[in-house]
Amino acid sequence: MESTWDTIARLAARFEEHSTLPVEQRRLLQVLKIQEEAGEVAEAVIGATGQNPRKGVSHSWQDVEAEVCDVIVTGMVTLARLNPEAAAVFDHHMKRIAARDL
């Protein structure tokens, strides 16, 4: 079975191969993609709580979970597109967080 970071690396490579934009522009757009996905989480929360009077309850909390997963995957792909050693960078960062907060 493929590891999560292997899948992320394959996704990042696919997106890199697909784009004809200069590398700096690809990086910028990938970082902005995180914000797009975060907006979809907000939309799902609003829909799950029925806070849009025009739409009512339009999402479930499972939809919110799926959107949060999309944010996480997008963040991981972004890191992989910024640094080929993304897994090590993330692991090091998690260790710093654990040392600081746990």
PDB file of N, CA and C in Angstrom:
ATOM      1  N   MET A   1       0.835  -1.182   0.000  1.00  0.00           N
ATOM      2  CA  MET A   1       0.000   0.000   0.000  1.00  0.00           C
ATOM      3  C   MET A   1       0.878   1.243   0.000  1.00  0.00           C
ATOM      4  N   GLU A   2       0.497   2.197  -0.807  1.00  0.00           N
ATOM      5  CA  GLU A   2       1.261   3.433  -0.952  1.00  0.00           C
ATOM      6  C   GLU A   2       1.092   4.309   0.284  1.00  0.00           C
ATOM      7  N   SER A   3       2.191   4.930   0.723  1.00  0.00           N
ATOM      8  CA  SER A   3       2.100   5.822   1.879  1.00  0.00           C
ATOM      9  C   SER A   3       1.430   7.140   1.471  1.00  0.00           C
ATOM     10  N   THR A   4       0.961   7.843   2.469  1.00  0.00           N
ATOM     11  CA  THR A   4       0.327   9.148   2.216  1.00  0.00           C
ATOM     12  C   THR A   4       1.287  10.076   1.485  1.00  0.00           C
ATOM     13  N   TRP A   5       2.523  10.161   1.958  1.00  0.00           N
ATOM     14  CA  TRP A   5       3.472  11.073   1.318  1.00  0.00           C
ATOM     15  C   TRP A   5       3.827  10.635  -0.098  1.00  0.00           C
ATOM     16  N   ASP A   6       3.800   9.329  -0.384  1.00  0.00           N
ATOM     17  CA  ASP A   6       4.010   8.873  -1.762  1.00  0.00           C
ATOM     18  C   ASP A   6       2.870   9.362  -2.659  1.00  0.00           C
ATOM     19  N   THR A   7       1.651   9.256  -2.166  1.00  0.00           N
ATOM     20  CA  THR A   7       0.492   9.744  -2.927  1.00  0.00           C
ATOM     21  C   THR A   7       0.594  11.250  -3.137  1.00  0.00           C
ATOM     22  N   ILE A   8       0.969  11.963  -2.094  1.00  0.00           N
ATOM     23  CA  ILE A   8       1.123  13.424  -2.198  1.00  0.00           C
ATOM     24  C   ILE A   8       2.189  13.762  -3.236  1.00  0.00           C
ATOM     25  N   ALA A   9       3.305  13.063  -3.212  1.00  0.00           N
ATOM     26  CA  ALA A   9       4.374  13.309  -4.191  1.00  0.00           C
ATOM     27  C   ALA A   9       3.879  13.061  -5.610  1.00  0.00           C
ATOM     28  N   ARG A  10       3.089  12.022  -5.807  1.00  0.00           N
ATOM     29  CA  ARG A  10       2.543  11.751  -7.139  1.00  0.00           C
ATOM     30  C   ARG A  10       1.574  12.843  -7.574  1.00  0.00           C
ATOM     31  N   LEU A  11       0.731  13.314  -6.651  1.00  0.00           N
ATOM     32  CA  LEU A  11      -0.185  14.416  -6.983  1.00  0.00           C
ATOM     33  C   LEU A  11       0.597  15.670  -7.341  1.00  0.00           C
ATOM     34  N   ALA A  12       1.596  16.002  -6.527  1.00  0.00           N
ATOM     35  CA  ALA A  12       2.405  17.197  -6.791  1.00  0.00           C
ATOM     36  C   ALA A  12       3.083  17.101  -8.154  1.00  0.00           C
ATOM     37  N   ALA A  13       3.623  15.937  -8.468  1.00  0.00           N
ATOM     38  CA  ALA A  13       4.286  15.746  -9.772  1.00  0.00           C
ATOM     39  C   ALA A  13       3.292  15.887 -10.914  1.00  0.00           C
ATOM     40  N   ARG A  14       2.113  15.354 -10.721  1.00  0.00           N
ATOM     41  CA  ARG A  14       1.076  15.466 -11.767  1.00  0.00           C
ATOM     42  C   ARG A  14       0.726  16.918 -12.024  1.00  0.00           C
ATOM     43  N   PHE A  15       0.546  17.696 -10.948  1.00  0.00           N
ATOM     44  CA  PHE A  15       0.208  19.112 -11.113  1.00  0.00           C
ATOM     45  C   PHE A  15       1.362  19.881 -11.748  1.00  0.00           C
ATOM     46  N   GLU A  16       2.592  19.536 -11.380  1.00  0.00           N
ATOM     47  CA  GLU A  16       3.757  20.194 -11.983  1.00  0.00           C
ATOM     48  C   GLU A  16       3.831  19.904 -13.478  1.00  0.00           C
ATOM     49  N   GLU A  17       3.583  18.661 -13.854  1.00  0.00           N
ATOM     50  CA  GLU A  17       3.632  18.274 -15.267  1.00  0.00           C
ATOM     51  C   GLU A  17       2.532  18.943 -16.079  1.00  0.00           C
ATOM     52  N   HIS A  18       1.398  19.175 -15.441  1.00  0.00           N
ATOM     53  CA  HIS A  18       0.246  19.748 -16.122  1.00  0.00           C
ATOM     54  C   HIS A  18       0.412  21.239 -16.418  1.00  0.00           C
ATOM     55  N   SER A  19       1.139  21.943 -15.568  1.00  0.00           N
ATOM     56  CA  SER A  19       1.223  23.399 -15.677  1.00  0.00           C
ATOM     57  C   SER A  19       2.308  23.842 -16.643  1.00  0.00           C
ATOM     58  N   THR A  20       1.987  24.877 -17.402  1.00  0.00           N
ATOM     59  CA  THR A  20       2.970  25.482 -18.305  1.00  0.00           C
ATOM     60  C   THR A  20       3.441  26.835 -17.774  1.00  0.00           C
ATOM     61  N   LEU A  21       2.996  27.198 -16.585  1.00  0.00           N
ATOM     62  CA  LEU A  21       3.354  28.485 -15.990  1.00  0.00           C
ATOM     63  C   LEU A  21       4.772  28.449 -15.422  1.00  0.00           C
ATOM     64  N   PRO A  22       5.398  29.611 -15.275  1.00  0.00           N
ATOM     65  CA  PRO A  22       6.709  29.657 -14.617  1.00  0.00           C
ATOM     66  C   PRO A  22       6.602  29.143 -13.177  1.00  0.00           C
ATOM     67  N   VAL A  23       7.689  28.599 -12.655  1.00  0.00           N
ATOM     68  CA  VAL A  23       7.681  27.952 -11.351  1.00  0.00           C
ATOM     69  C   VAL A  23       7.186  28.884 -10.239  1.00  0.00           C
ATOM     70  N   GLU A  24       7.582  30.124 -10.226  1.00  0.00           N
ATOM     71  CA  GLU A  24       7.144  31.030  -9.162  1.00  0.00           C
ATOM     72  C   GLU A  24       5.632  31.252  -9.218  1.00  0.00           C
ATOM     73  N   GLN A  25       5.087  31.327 -10.398  1.00  0.00           N
ATOM     74  CA  GLN A  25       3.642  31.500 -10.535  1.00  0.00           C
ATOM     75  C   GLN A  25       2.901  30.234 -10.107  1.00  0.00           C
ATOM     76  N   ARG A  26       3.445  29.070 -10.447  1.00  0.00           N
ATOM     77  CA  ARG A  26       2.841  27.812 -10.004  1.00  0.00           C
ATOM     78  C   ARG A  26       2.814  27.735  -8.486  1.00  0.00           C
ATOM     79  N   ARG A  27       3.908  28.126  -7.854  1.00  0.00           N
ATOM     80  CA  ARG A  27       3.973  28.112  -6.386  1.00  0.00           C
ATOM     81  C   ARG A  27       2.937  29.055  -5.789  1.00  0.00           C
ATOM     82  N   LEU A  28       2.862  30.245  -6.308  1.00  0.00           N
ATOM     83  CA  LEU A  28       1.903  31.222  -5.799  1.00  0.00           C
ATOM     84  C   LEU A  28       0.474  30.698  -5.916  1.00  0.00           C
ATOM     85  N   LEU A  29       0.124  30.173  -7.075  1.00  0.00           N
ATOM     86  CA  LEU A  29      -1.230  29.666  -7.286  1.00  0.00           C
ATOM     87  C   LEU A  29      -1.523  28.458  -6.399  1.00  0.00           C
ATOM     88  N   GLN A  30      -0.519  27.623  -6.157  1.00  0.00           N
ATOM     89  CA  GLN A  30      -0.722  26.475  -5.280  1.00  0.00           C
ATOM     90  C   GLN A  30      -0.986  26.933  -3.848  1.00  0.00           C
ATOM     91  N   VAL A  31      -0.254  27.944  -3.393  1.00  0.00           N
ATOM     92  CA  VAL A  31      -0.501  28.477  -2.050  1.00  0.00           C
ATOM     93  C   VAL A  31      -1.908  29.066  -1.975  1.00  0.00           C
ATOM     94  N   LEU A  32      -2.333  29.773  -3.003  1.00  0.00           N
ATOM     95  CA  LEU A  32      -3.683  30.332  -3.023  1.00  0.00           C
ATOM     96  C   LEU A  32      -4.749  29.241  -3.023  1.00  0.00           C
ATOM     97  N   LYS A  33      -4.422  28.083  -3.543  1.00  0.00           N
ATOM     98  CA  LYS A  33      -5.368  26.960  -3.561  1.00  0.00           C
ATOM     99  C   LYS A  33      -5.759  26.550  -2.139  1.00  0.00           C
ATOM    100  N   ILE A  34      -4.854  26.715  -1.179  1.00  0.00           N
ATOM    101  CA  ILE A  34      -5.190  26.415   0.217  1.00  0.00           C
ATOM    102  C   ILE A  34      -6.338  27.301   0.667  1.00  0.00           C
ATOM    103  N   GLN A  35      -6.275  28.581   0.326  1.00  0.00           N
ATOM    104  CA  GLN A  35      -7.338  29.507   0.718  1.00  0.00           C
ATOM    105  C   GLN A  35      -8.663  29.151   0.047  1.00  0.00           C
ATOM    106  N   GLU A  36      -8.600  28.745  -1.199  1.00  0.00           N
ATOM    107  CA  GLU A  36      -9.818  28.327  -1.898  1.00  0.00           C
ATOM    108  C   GLU A  36     -10.474  27.155  -1.168  1.00  0.00           C
ATOM    109  N   GLU A  37      -9.664  26.178  -0.802  1.00  0.00           N
ATOM    110  CA  GLU A  37     -10.200  25.014  -0.103  1.00  0.00           C
ATOM    111  C   GLU A  37     -10.733  25.388   1.278  1.00  0.00           C
ATOM    112  N   ALA A  38     -10.060  26.294   1.967  1.00  0.00           N
ATOM    113  CA  ALA A  38     -10.544  26.747   3.277  1.00  0.00           C
ATOM    114  C   ALA A  38     -11.901  27.432   3.139  1.00  0.00           C
ATOM    115  N   GLY A  39     -12.103  28.159   2.058  1.00  0.00           N
ATOM    116  CA  GLY A  39     -13.401  28.773   1.798  1.00  0.00           C
ATOM    117  C   GLY A  39     -14.490  27.726   1.626  1.00  0.00           C
ATOM    118  N   GLU A  40     -14.147  26.604   1.046  1.00  0.00           N
ATOM    119  CA  GLU A  40     -15.120  25.529   0.888  1.00  0.00           C
ATOM    120  C   GLU A  40     -15.477  24.905   2.243  1.00  0.00           C
ATOM    121  N   VAL A  41     -14.531  24.880   3.175  1.00  0.00           N
ATOM    122  CA  VAL A  41     -14.848  24.426   4.536  1.00  0.00           C
ATOM    123  C   VAL A  41     -15.859  25.385   5.155  1.00  0.00           C
ATOM    124  N   ALA A  42     -15.603  26.683   5.030  1.00  0.00           N
ATOM    125  CA  ALA A  42     -16.519  27.684   5.593  1.00  0.00           C
ATOM    126  C   ALA A  42     -17.909  27.548   4.991  1.00  0.00           C
ATOM    127  N   GLU A  43     -17.964  27.357   3.685  1.00  0.00           N
ATOM    128  CA  GLU A  43     -19.260  27.180   3.026  1.00  0.00           C
ATOM    129  C   GLU A  43     -19.988  25.951   3.579  1.00  0.00           C
ATOM    130  N   ALA A  44     -19.253  24.863   3.785  1.00  0.00           N
ATOM    131  CA  ALA A  44     -19.866  23.641   4.303  1.00  0.00           C
ATOM    132  C   ALA A  44     -20.357  23.826   5.744  1.00  0.00           C
ATOM    133  N   VAL A  45     -19.600  24.552   6.574  1.00  0.00           N
ATOM    134  CA  VAL A  45     -20.033  24.800   7.951  1.00  0.00           C
ATOM    135  C   VAL A  45     -21.303  25.643   7.957  1.00  0.00           C
ATOM    136  N   ILE A  46     -21.322  26.675   7.133  1.00  0.00           N
ATOM    137  CA  ILE A  46     -22.525  27.516   7.024  1.00  0.00           C
ATOM    138  C   ILE A  46     -23.704  26.666   6.564  1.00  0.00           C
ATOM    139  N   GLY A  47     -23.460  25.782   5.601  1.00  0.00           N
ATOM    140  CA  GLY A  47     -24.522  24.904   5.120  1.00  0.00           C
ATOM    141  C   GLY A  47     -24.957  23.869   6.140  1.00  0.00           C
ATOM    142  N   ALA A  48     -24.002  23.354   6.921  1.00  0.00           N
ATOM    143  CA  ALA A  48     -24.340  22.343   7.931  1.00  0.00           C
ATOM    144  C   ALA A  48     -25.128  22.944   9.091  1.00  0.00           C
ATOM    145  N   THR A  49     -24.926  24.221   9.325  1.00  0.00           N
ATOM    146  CA  THR A  49     -25.645  24.881  10.423  1.00  0.00           C
ATOM    147  C   THR A  49     -26.874  25.641   9.938  1.00  0.00           C
ATOM    148  N   GLY A  50     -27.118  25.616   8.628  1.00  0.00           N
ATOM    149  CA  GLY A  50     -28.310  26.253   8.069  1.00  0.00           C
ATOM    150  C   GLY A  50     -28.312  27.765   8.193  1.00  0.00           C
ATOM    151  N   GLN A  51     -27.139  28.381   8.169  1.00  0.00           N
ATOM    152  CA  GLN A  51     -27.045  29.819   8.415  1.00  0.00           C
ATOM    153  C   GLN A  51     -27.241  30.683   7.180  1.00  0.00           C
ATOM    154  N   ASN A  52     -27.417  30.081   6.021  1.00  0.00           N
ATOM    155  CA  ASN A  52     -27.756  30.856   4.824  1.00  0.00           C
ATOM    156  C   ASN A  52     -29.252  30.716   4.623  1.00  0.00           C
ATOM    157  N   PRO A  53     -30.028  31.808   4.877  1.00  0.00           N
ATOM    158  CA  PRO A  53     -31.480  31.691   4.797  1.00  0.00           C
ATOM    159  C   PRO A  53     -31.986  31.286   3.408  1.00  0.00           C
ATOM    160  N   ARG A  54     -31.219  31.602   2.395  1.00  0.00           N
ATOM    161  CA  ARG A  54     -31.631  31.253   1.037  1.00  0.00           C
ATOM    162  C   ARG A  54     -31.456  29.762   0.759  1.00  0.00           C
ATOM    163  N   LYS A  55     -30.444  29.136   1.377  1.00  0.00           N
ATOM    164  CA  LYS A  55     -30.148  27.723   1.101  1.00  0.00           C
ATOM    165  C   LYS A  55     -30.585  26.781   2.212  1.00  0.00           C
ATOM    166  N   GLY A  56     -30.713  27.287   3.429  1.00  0.00           N
ATOM    167  CA  GLY A  56     -31.052  26.409   4.548  1.00  0.00           C
ATOM    168  C   GLY A  56     -29.926  25.431   4.839  1.00  0.00           C
ATOM    169  N   VAL A  57     -30.269  24.259   5.314  1.00  0.00           N
ATOM    170  CA  VAL A  57     -29.262  23.222   5.586  1.00  0.00           C
ATOM    171  C   VAL A  57     -28.920  22.562   4.251  1.00  0.00           C
ATOM    172  N   SER A  58     -27.739  22.883   3.773  1.00  0.00           N
ATOM    173  CA  SER A  58     -27.335  22.407   2.441  1.00  0.00           C
ATOM    174  C   SER A  58     -26.154  21.437   2.498  1.00  0.00           C
ATOM    175  N   HIS A  59     -25.552  21.269   3.674  1.00  0.00           N
ATOM    176  CA  HIS A  59     -24.400  20.386   3.840  1.00  0.00           C
ATOM    177  C   HIS A  59     -24.571  19.587   5.128  1.00  0.00           C
ATOM    178  N   SER A  60     -23.791  18.526   5.239  1.00  0.00           N
ATOM    179  CA  SER A  60     -23.750  17.734   6.466  1.00  0.00           C
ATOM    180  C   SER A  60     -22.390  17.950   7.135  1.00  0.00           C
ATOM    181  N   TRP A  61     -22.268  17.468   8.365  1.00  0.00           N
ATOM    182  CA  TRP A  61     -20.963  17.538   9.022  1.00  0.00           C
ATOM    183  C   TRP A  61     -19.968  16.596   8.349  1.00  0.00           C
ATOM    184  N   GLN A  62     -20.445  15.568   7.673  1.00  0.00           N
ATOM    185  CA  GLN A  62     -19.550  14.723   6.882  1.00  0.00           C
ATOM    186  C   GLN A  62     -18.989  15.514   5.700  1.00  0.00           C
ATOM    187  N   ASP A  63     -19.796  16.414   5.135  1.00  0.00           N
ATOM    188  CA  ASP A  63     -19.290  17.299   4.079  1.00  0.00           C
ATOM    189  C   ASP A  63     -18.180  18.197   4.626  1.00  0.00           C
ATOM    190  N   VAL A  64     -18.387  18.693   5.847  1.00  0.00           N
ATOM    191  CA  VAL A  64     -17.361  19.535   6.478  1.00  0.00           C
ATOM    192  C   VAL A  64     -16.072  18.729   6.647  1.00  0.00           C
ATOM    193  N   GLU A  65     -16.193  17.503   7.128  1.00  0.00           N
ATOM    194  CA  GLU A  65     -15.013  16.646   7.299  1.00  0.00           C
ATOM    195  C   GLU A  65     -14.275  16.448   5.975  1.00  0.00           C
ATOM    196  N   ALA A  66     -15.024  16.188   4.916  1.00  0.00           N
ATOM    197  CA  ALA A  66     -14.404  15.980   3.600  1.00  0.00           C
ATOM    198  C   ALA A  66     -13.679  17.244   3.137  1.00  0.00           C
ATOM    199  N   GLU A  67     -14.281  18.396   3.389  1.00  0.00           N
ATOM    200  CA  GLU A  67     -13.648  19.649   2.991  1.00  0.00           C
ATOM    201  C   GLU A  67     -12.386  19.923   3.802  1.00  0.00           C
ATOM    202  N   VAL A  68     -12.415  19.573   5.108  1.00  0.00           N
ATOM    203  CA  VAL A  68     -11.211  19.713   5.926  1.00  0.00           C
ATOM    204  C   VAL A  68     -10.107  18.800   5.388  1.00  0.00           C
ATOM    205  N   CYS A  69     -10.471  17.588   4.995  1.00  0.00           N
ATOM    206  CA  CYS A  69      -9.488  16.686   4.386  1.00  0.00           C
ATOM    207  C   CYS A  69      -8.890  17.301   3.122  1.00  0.00           C
ATOM    208  N   ASP A  70      -9.732  17.946   2.321  1.00  0.00           N
ATOM    209  CA  ASP A  70      -9.227  18.601   1.108  1.00  0.00           C
ATOM    210  C   ASP A  70      -8.215  19.696   1.447  1.00  0.00           C
ATOM    211  N   VAL A  71      -8.471  20.440   2.536  1.00  0.00           N
ATOM    212  CA  VAL A  71      -7.517  21.479   2.963  1.00  0.00           C
ATOM    213  C   VAL A  71      -6.188  20.831   3.351  1.00  0.00           C
ATOM    214  N   ILE A  72      -6.264  19.748   4.106  1.00  0.00           N
ATOM    215  CA  ILE A  72      -5.044  19.067   4.543  1.00  0.00           C
ATOM    216  C   ILE A  72      -4.255  18.547   3.348  1.00  0.00           C
ATOM    217  N   VAL A  73      -4.934  17.862   2.427  1.00  0.00           N
ATOM    218  CA  VAL A  73      -4.256  17.336   1.241  1.00  0.00           C
ATOM    219  C   VAL A  73      -3.657  18.478   0.418  1.00  0.00           C
ATOM    220  N   THR A  74      -4.401  19.547   0.250  1.00  0.00           N
ATOM    221  CA  THR A  74      -3.901  20.689  -0.522  1.00  0.00           C
ATOM    222  C   THR A  74      -2.679  21.297   0.150  1.00  0.00           C
ATOM    223  N   GLY A  75      -2.694  21.387   1.466  1.00  0.00           N
ATOM    224  CA  GLY A  75      -1.520  21.884   2.187  1.00  0.00           C
ATOM    225  C   GLY A  75      -0.317  20.980   1.997  1.00  0.00           C
ATOM    226  N   MET A  76      -0.548  19.681   2.049  1.00  0.00           N
ATOM    227  CA  MET A  76       0.542  18.728   1.854  1.00  0.00           C
ATOM    228  C   MET A  76       1.093  18.796   0.428  1.00  0.00           C
ATOM    229  N   VAL A  77       0.202  18.897  -0.550  1.00  0.00           N
ATOM    230  CA  VAL A  77       0.647  19.029  -1.946  1.00  0.00           C
ATOM    231  C   VAL A  77       1.430  20.330  -2.118  1.00  0.00           C
ATOM    232  N   THR A  78       0.960  21.387  -1.487  1.00  0.00           N
ATOM    233  CA  THR A  78       1.671  22.662  -1.572  1.00  0.00           C
ATOM    234  C   THR A  78       3.077  22.522  -1.022  1.00  0.00           C
ATOM    235  N   LEU A  79       3.204  21.912   0.147  1.00  0.00           N
ATOM    236  CA  LEU A  79       4.527  21.721   0.731  1.00  0.00           C
ATOM    237  C   LEU A  79       5.410  20.892  -0.193  1.00  0.00           C
ATOM    238  N   ALA A  80       4.844  19.851  -0.785  1.00  0.00           N
ATOM    239  CA  ALA A  80       5.610  18.997  -1.705  1.00  0.00           C
ATOM    240  C   ALA A  80       6.034  19.749  -2.957  1.00  0.00           C
ATOM    241  N   ARG A  81       5.209  20.682  -3.413  1.00  0.00           N
ATOM    242  CA  ARG A  81       5.583  21.467  -4.590  1.00  0.00           C
ATOM    243  C   ARG A  81       6.612  22.532  -4.248  1.00  0.00           C
ATOM    244  N   LEU A  82       6.674  22.924  -2.988  1.00  0.00           N
ATOM    245  CA  LEU A  82       7.670  23.895  -2.554  1.00  0.00           C
ATOM    246  C   LEU A  82       9.013  23.248  -2.224  1.00  0.00           C
ATOM    247  N   ASN A  83       8.952  21.995  -1.733  1.00  0.00           N
ATOM    248  CA  ASN A  83      10.173  21.342  -1.269  1.00  0.00           C
ATOM    249  C   ASN A  83      10.054  19.834  -1.497  1.00  0.00           C
ATOM    250  N   PRO A  84      10.961  19.247  -2.264  1.00  0.00           N
ATOM    251  CA  PRO A  84      10.881  17.804  -2.520  1.00  0.00           C
ATOM    252  C   PRO A  84      11.085  16.960  -1.258  1.00  0.00           C
ATOM    253  N   GLU A  85      11.583  17.554  -0.202  1.00  0.00           N
ATOM    254  CA  GLU A  85      11.761  16.862   1.077  1.00  0.00           C
ATOM    255  C   GLU A  85      10.599  17.177   2.021  1.00  0.00           C
ATOM    256  N   ALA A  86       9.397  17.301   1.461  1.00  0.00           N
ATOM    257  CA  ALA A  86       8.221  17.732   2.220  1.00  0.00           C
ATOM    258  C   ALA A  86       7.958  16.861   3.437  1.00  0.00           C
ATOM    259  N   ALA A  87       8.071  15.563   3.308  1.00  0.00           N
ATOM    260  CA  ALA A  87       7.779  14.678   4.437  1.00  0.00           C
ATOM    261  C   ALA A  87       8.722  14.961   5.600  1.00  0.00           C
ATOM    262  N   ALA A  88       9.989  15.153   5.316  1.00  0.00           N
ATOM    263  CA  ALA A  88      10.968  15.453   6.369  1.00  0.00           C
ATOM    264  C   ALA A  88      10.725  16.835   6.968  1.00  0.00           C
ATOM    265  N   VAL A  89      10.387  17.796   6.133  1.00  0.00           N
ATOM    266  CA  VAL A  89      10.078  19.151   6.613  1.00  0.00           C
ATOM    267  C   VAL A  89       8.887  19.100   7.554  1.00  0.00           C
ATOM    268  N   PHE A  90       7.848  18.372   7.156  1.00  0.00           N
ATOM    269  CA  PHE A  90       6.641  18.274   7.968  1.00  0.00           C
ATOM    270  C   PHE A  90       6.932  17.544   9.277  1.00  0.00           C
ATOM    271  N   ASP A  91       7.670  16.446   9.209  1.00  0.00           N
ATOM    272  CA  ASP A  91       8.013  15.684  10.408  1.00  0.00           C
ATOM    273  C   ASP A  91       8.785  16.564  11.389  1.00  0.00           C
ATOM    274  N   HIS A  92       9.754  17.305  10.902  1.00  0.00           N
ATOM    275  CA  HIS A  92      10.533  18.209  11.751  1.00  0.00           C
ATOM    276  C   HIS A  92       9.625  19.264  12.385  1.00  0.00           C
ATOM    277  N   HIS A  93       8.716  19.803  11.616  1.00  0.00           N
ATOM    278  CA  HIS A  93       7.800  20.820  12.129  1.00  0.00           C
ATOM    279  C   HIS A  93       6.882  20.230  13.205  1.00  0.00           C
ATOM    280  N   MET A  94       6.382  19.028  12.977  1.00  0.00           N
ATOM    281  CA  MET A  94       5.528  18.378  13.970  1.00  0.00           C
ATOM    282  C   MET A  94       6.287  18.129  15.271  1.00  0.00           C
ATOM    283  N   LYS A  95       7.548  17.760  15.176  1.00  0.00           N
ATOM    284  CA  LYS A  95       8.355  17.553  16.381  1.00  0.00           C
ATOM    285  C   LYS A  95       8.522  18.864  17.148  1.00  0.00           C
ATOM    286  N   ARG A  96       8.704  19.957  16.438  1.00  0.00           N
ATOM    287  CA  ARG A  96       8.806  21.268  17.092  1.00  0.00           C
ATOM    288  C   ARG A  96       7.487  21.630  17.786  1.00  0.00           C
ATOM    289  N   ILE A  97       6.359  21.369  17.135  1.00  0.00           N
ATOM    290  CA  ILE A  97       5.068  21.636  17.743  1.00  0.00           C
ATOM    291  C   ILE A  97       4.862  20.788  18.988  1.00  0.00           C
ATOM    292  N   ALA A  98       5.194  19.509  18.883  1.00  0.00           N
ATOM    293  CA  ALA A  98       5.035  18.607  20.029  1.00  0.00           C
ATOM    294  C   ALA A  98       5.910  19.055  21.191  1.00  0.00           C
ATOM    295  N   ALA A  99       7.150  19.415  20.911  1.00  0.00           N
ATOM    296  CA  ALA A  99       8.058  19.867  21.972  1.00  0.00           C
ATOM    297  C   ALA A  99       7.542  21.148  22.628  1.00  0.00           C
ATOM    298  N   ARG A 100       6.962  21.993  21.841  1.00  0.00           N
ATOM    299  CA  ARG A 100       6.466  23.281  22.344  1.00  0.00           C
ATOM    300  C   ARG A 100       5.160  23.138  23.106  1.00  0.00           C
ATOM    301  N   ASP A 101       4.247  22.320  22.622  1.00  0.00           N
ATOM    302  CA  ASP A 101       2.877  22.328  23.114  1.00  0.00           C
ATOM    303  C   ASP A 101       2.435  21.093  23.888  1.00  0.00           C
ATOM    304  N   LEU A 102       3.223  20.028  23.884  1.00  0.00           N
ATOM    305  CA  LEU A 102       2.780  18.810  24.577  1.00  0.00           C
ATOM    306  C   LEU A 102       3.624  18.516  25.805  1.00  0.00           C
TER     307      LEU A 102
END
